[in-house]
Amino acid sequence: MAEAFKYLDKGDAVQASEKAYKAADEVVKALSEKFNLPEYQRAVKEGRWYIYTLGKASSTLSTKLGNWVLDRWSIAYFLHVWGFHEAKLTTSDITSYLNRVKEMLEEAKRVLNEK
């Protein structure tokens, strides 16, 4: 997530968007592993995660942890598509979105550190 803000400071909305997406991607994977979700088991079996599997996992996690997971995942995916792939967003467009993904990371750290 720190890289996302570094790119934001440099005026690179494309790379900032993708770094924030990758942070959210890793959050969903880590939480899925912690709770041994079916989506995690599938990813292990198949040897990789697919974006739709991450989306399904974020929905499953939301039922366990609250809507913050699904909401922040949706924001990260928006950044991935419109900020990175389509390059349609500016740094001013993405700043609030990056802050929401940062909140996701902070909340996930708390959950992951719980016994």
C-alpha atoms as a PDB file:
ATOM      1  CA  MET A   1       0.000   0.000   0.000  1.00  0.00           C
ATOM      2  CA  ALA A   2       2.930   2.290   0.674  1.00  0.00           C
ATOM      3  CA  GLU A   3       3.947   1.892  -2.974  1.00  0.00           C
ATOM      4  CA  ALA A   4       0.495   3.029  -4.070  1.00  0.00           C
ATOM      5  CA  PHE A   5       0.900   6.282  -2.168  1.00  0.00           C
ATOM      6  CA  LYS A   6       4.425   6.768  -3.532  1.00  0.00           C
ATOM      7  CA  TYR A   7       3.069   6.493  -7.069  1.00  0.00           C
ATOM      8  CA  LEU A   8       0.230   8.821  -6.151  1.00  0.00           C
ATOM      9  CA  ASP A   9       2.758  11.392  -4.944  1.00  0.00           C
ATOM     10  CA  LYS A  10       4.627  11.023  -8.256  1.00  0.00           C
ATOM     11  CA  GLY A  11       1.422  11.688 -10.182  1.00  0.00           C
ATOM     12  CA  ASP A  12       1.166   8.142 -11.565  1.00  0.00           C
ATOM     13  CA  ALA A  13      -2.490   7.177 -11.151  1.00  0.00           C
ATOM     14  CA  VAL A  14      -2.106   4.018 -13.237  1.00  0.00           C
ATOM     15  CA  GLN A  15       0.553   2.427 -11.058  1.00  0.00           C
ATOM     16  CA  ALA A  16      -0.999   3.757  -7.838  1.00  0.00           C
ATOM     17  CA  SER A  17      -4.283   2.101  -8.807  1.00  0.00           C
ATOM     18  CA  GLU A  18      -2.628  -1.233  -9.493  1.00  0.00           C
ATOM     19  CA  LYS A  19      -0.588  -1.227  -6.284  1.00  0.00           C
ATOM     20  CA  ALA A  20      -3.731  -0.560  -4.256  1.00  0.00           C
ATOM     21  CA  TYR A  21      -5.516  -3.368  -6.088  1.00  0.00           C
ATOM     22  CA  LYS A  22      -2.643  -5.746  -5.347  1.00  0.00           C
ATOM     23  CA  ALA A  23      -2.802  -4.826  -1.654  1.00  0.00           C
ATOM     24  CA  ALA A  24      -6.526  -5.656  -1.579  1.00  0.00           C
ATOM     25  CA  ASP A  25      -5.867  -8.853  -3.529  1.00  0.00           C
ATOM     26  CA  GLU A  26      -3.364  -9.959  -0.871  1.00  0.00           C
ATOM     27  CA  VAL A  27      -5.766  -9.023   1.936  1.00  0.00           C
ATOM     28  CA  VAL A  28      -8.524 -11.211   0.503  1.00  0.00           C
ATOM     29  CA  LYS A  29      -6.084 -14.093   0.011  1.00  0.00           C
ATOM     30  CA  ALA A  30      -4.710 -13.810   3.557  1.00  0.00           C
ATOM     31  CA  LEU A  31      -8.134 -13.611   5.163  1.00  0.00           C
ATOM     32  CA  SER A  32      -9.355 -16.504   3.026  1.00  0.00           C
ATOM     33  CA  GLU A  33      -6.457 -18.602   4.225  1.00  0.00           C
ATOM     34  CA  LYS A  34      -7.027 -17.650   7.867  1.00  0.00           C
ATOM     35  CA  PHE A  35     -10.651 -18.760   7.676  1.00  0.00           C
ATOM     36  CA  ASN A  36      -9.874 -21.685   5.343  1.00  0.00           C
ATOM     37  CA  LEU A  37     -12.640 -20.638   2.964  1.00  0.00           C
ATOM     38  CA  PRO A  38     -13.796 -22.928   0.162  1.00  0.00           C
ATOM     39  CA  GLU A  39     -12.435 -20.308  -2.257  1.00  0.00           C
ATOM     40  CA  TYR A  40      -9.007 -20.627  -0.620  1.00  0.00           C
ATOM     41  CA  GLN A  41      -9.161 -24.416  -0.848  1.00  0.00           C
ATOM     42  CA  ARG A  42     -10.065 -24.145  -4.529  1.00  0.00           C
ATOM     43  CA  ALA A  43      -7.187 -21.762  -5.228  1.00  0.00           C
ATOM     44  CA  VAL A  44      -4.763 -24.152  -3.528  1.00  0.00           C
ATOM     45  CA  LYS A  45      -6.156 -27.080  -5.507  1.00  0.00           C
ATOM     46  CA  GLU A  46      -5.987 -25.180  -8.820  1.00  0.00           C
ATOM     47  CA  GLY A  47      -2.647 -23.594  -8.039  1.00  0.00           C
ATOM     48  CA  ARG A  48      -3.843 -20.030  -8.570  1.00  0.00           C
ATOM     49  CA  TRP A  49      -6.462 -17.432  -7.760  1.00  0.00           C
ATOM     50  CA  TYR A  50      -8.846 -16.073 -10.351  1.00  0.00           C
ATOM     51  CA  ILE A  51     -10.410 -12.637 -10.028  1.00  0.00           C
ATOM     52  CA  TYR A  52     -13.900 -14.119  -9.809  1.00  0.00           C
ATOM     53  CA  THR A  53     -12.693 -16.381  -6.980  1.00  0.00           C
ATOM     54  CA  LEU A  54     -11.348 -13.357  -5.130  1.00  0.00           C
ATOM     55  CA  GLY A  55     -14.714 -11.673  -5.597  1.00  0.00           C
ATOM     56  CA  LYS A  56     -16.526 -14.723  -4.238  1.00  0.00           C
ATOM     57  CA  ALA A  57     -14.120 -14.894  -1.305  1.00  0.00           C
ATOM     58  CA  SER A  58     -14.690 -11.222  -0.479  1.00  0.00           C
ATOM     59  CA  SER A  59     -18.426 -11.911  -0.364  1.00  0.00           C
ATOM     60  CA  THR A  60     -17.942 -14.933   1.889  1.00  0.00           C
ATOM     61  CA  LEU A  61     -15.612 -12.936   4.142  1.00  0.00           C
ATOM     62  CA  SER A  62     -18.183 -10.155   4.381  1.00  0.00           C
ATOM     63  CA  THR A  63     -20.649 -12.569   5.946  1.00  0.00           C
ATOM     64  CA  LYS A  64     -18.029 -13.381   8.598  1.00  0.00           C
ATOM     65  CA  LEU A  65     -16.387  -9.988   9.124  1.00  0.00           C
ATOM     66  CA  GLY A  66     -18.767  -7.330   7.840  1.00  0.00           C
ATOM     67  CA  ASN A  67     -19.375  -5.431   4.636  1.00  0.00           C
ATOM     68  CA  TRP A  68     -16.031  -3.637   4.821  1.00  0.00           C
ATOM     69  CA  VAL A  69     -14.371  -6.562   3.035  1.00  0.00           C
ATOM     70  CA  LEU A  70     -16.768  -6.602   0.087  1.00  0.00           C
ATOM     71  CA  ASP A  71     -16.943  -2.804  -0.105  1.00  0.00           C
ATOM     72  CA  ARG A  72     -13.163  -2.373  -0.137  1.00  0.00           C
ATOM     73  CA  TRP A  73     -12.674  -5.255  -2.582  1.00  0.00           C
ATOM     74  CA  SER A  74     -15.157  -3.599  -4.942  1.00  0.00           C
ATOM     75  CA  ILE A  75     -13.228  -0.342  -4.686  1.00  0.00           C
ATOM     76  CA  ALA A  76      -9.949  -2.115  -5.410  1.00  0.00           C
ATOM     77  CA  TYR A  77     -11.441  -3.866  -8.421  1.00  0.00           C
ATOM     78  CA  PHE A  78     -12.743  -0.517  -9.691  1.00  0.00           C
ATOM     79  CA  LEU A  79      -9.181   0.829  -9.434  1.00  0.00           C
ATOM     80  CA  HIS A  80      -7.834  -2.245 -11.221  1.00  0.00           C
ATOM     81  CA  VAL A  81     -10.180  -1.840 -14.177  1.00  0.00           C
ATOM     82  CA  TRP A  82     -10.620   1.923 -14.535  1.00  0.00           C
ATOM     83  CA  GLY A  83      -7.394   3.151 -12.973  1.00  0.00           C
ATOM     84  CA  PHE A  84      -4.961   0.560 -14.291  1.00  0.00           C
ATOM     85  CA  HIS A  85      -6.309  -1.247 -17.353  1.00  0.00           C
ATOM     86  CA  GLU A  86      -8.342   1.588 -18.832  1.00  0.00           C
ATOM     87  CA  ALA A  87      -6.174   4.412 -17.409  1.00  0.00           C
ATOM     88  CA  LYS A  88      -9.217   6.678 -17.132  1.00  0.00           C
ATOM     89  CA  LEU A  89      -8.621   8.019 -13.621  1.00  0.00           C
ATOM     90  CA  THR A  90      -6.393  10.834 -12.400  1.00  0.00           C
ATOM     91  CA  THR A  91      -4.566  11.042  -9.100  1.00  0.00           C
ATOM     92  CA  SER A  92      -7.276  13.307  -7.730  1.00  0.00           C
ATOM     93  CA  ASP A  93      -9.891  10.746  -8.812  1.00  0.00           C
ATOM     94  CA  ILE A  94      -8.231   7.891  -6.939  1.00  0.00           C
ATOM     95  CA  THR A  95      -7.073   9.483  -3.688  1.00  0.00           C
ATOM     96  CA  SER A  96     -10.213   8.700  -1.703  1.00  0.00           C
ATOM     97  CA  TYR A  97     -10.292   5.175  -3.129  1.00  0.00           C
ATOM     98  CA  LEU A  98      -6.703   4.552  -2.058  1.00  0.00           C
ATOM     99  CA  ASN A  99      -7.576   5.672   1.456  1.00  0.00           C
ATOM    100  CA  ARG A 100     -10.434   3.157   1.568  1.00  0.00           C
ATOM    101  CA  VAL A 101      -8.122   0.324   0.482  1.00  0.00           C
ATOM    102  CA  LYS A 102      -5.652   1.444   3.160  1.00  0.00           C
ATOM    103  CA  GLU A 103      -8.471   1.123   5.722  1.00  0.00           C
ATOM    104  CA  MET A 104      -9.089  -2.405   4.438  1.00  0.00           C
ATOM    105  CA  LEU A 105      -5.460  -3.301   5.008  1.00  0.00           C
ATOM    106  CA  GLU A 106      -5.476  -1.855   8.528  1.00  0.00           C
ATOM    107  CA  GLU A 107      -8.662  -3.711   9.466  1.00  0.00           C
ATOM    108  CA  ALA A 108      -7.319  -6.947   7.958  1.00  0.00           C
ATOM    109  CA  LYS A 109      -4.119  -6.645  10.017  1.00  0.00           C
ATOM    110  CA  ARG A 110      -6.259  -6.491  13.153  1.00  0.00           C
ATOM    111  CA  VAL A 111      -8.264  -9.572  12.131  1.00  0.00           C
ATOM    112  CA  LEU A 112      -5.190 -11.531  11.081  1.00  0.00           C
ATOM    113  CA  ASN A 113      -3.510 -10.846  14.432  1.00  0.00           C
ATOM    114  CA  GLU A 114      -6.477 -12.158  16.410  1.00  0.00           C
ATOM    115  CA  LYS A 115      -6.200 -15.701  17.747  1.00  0.00           C
END
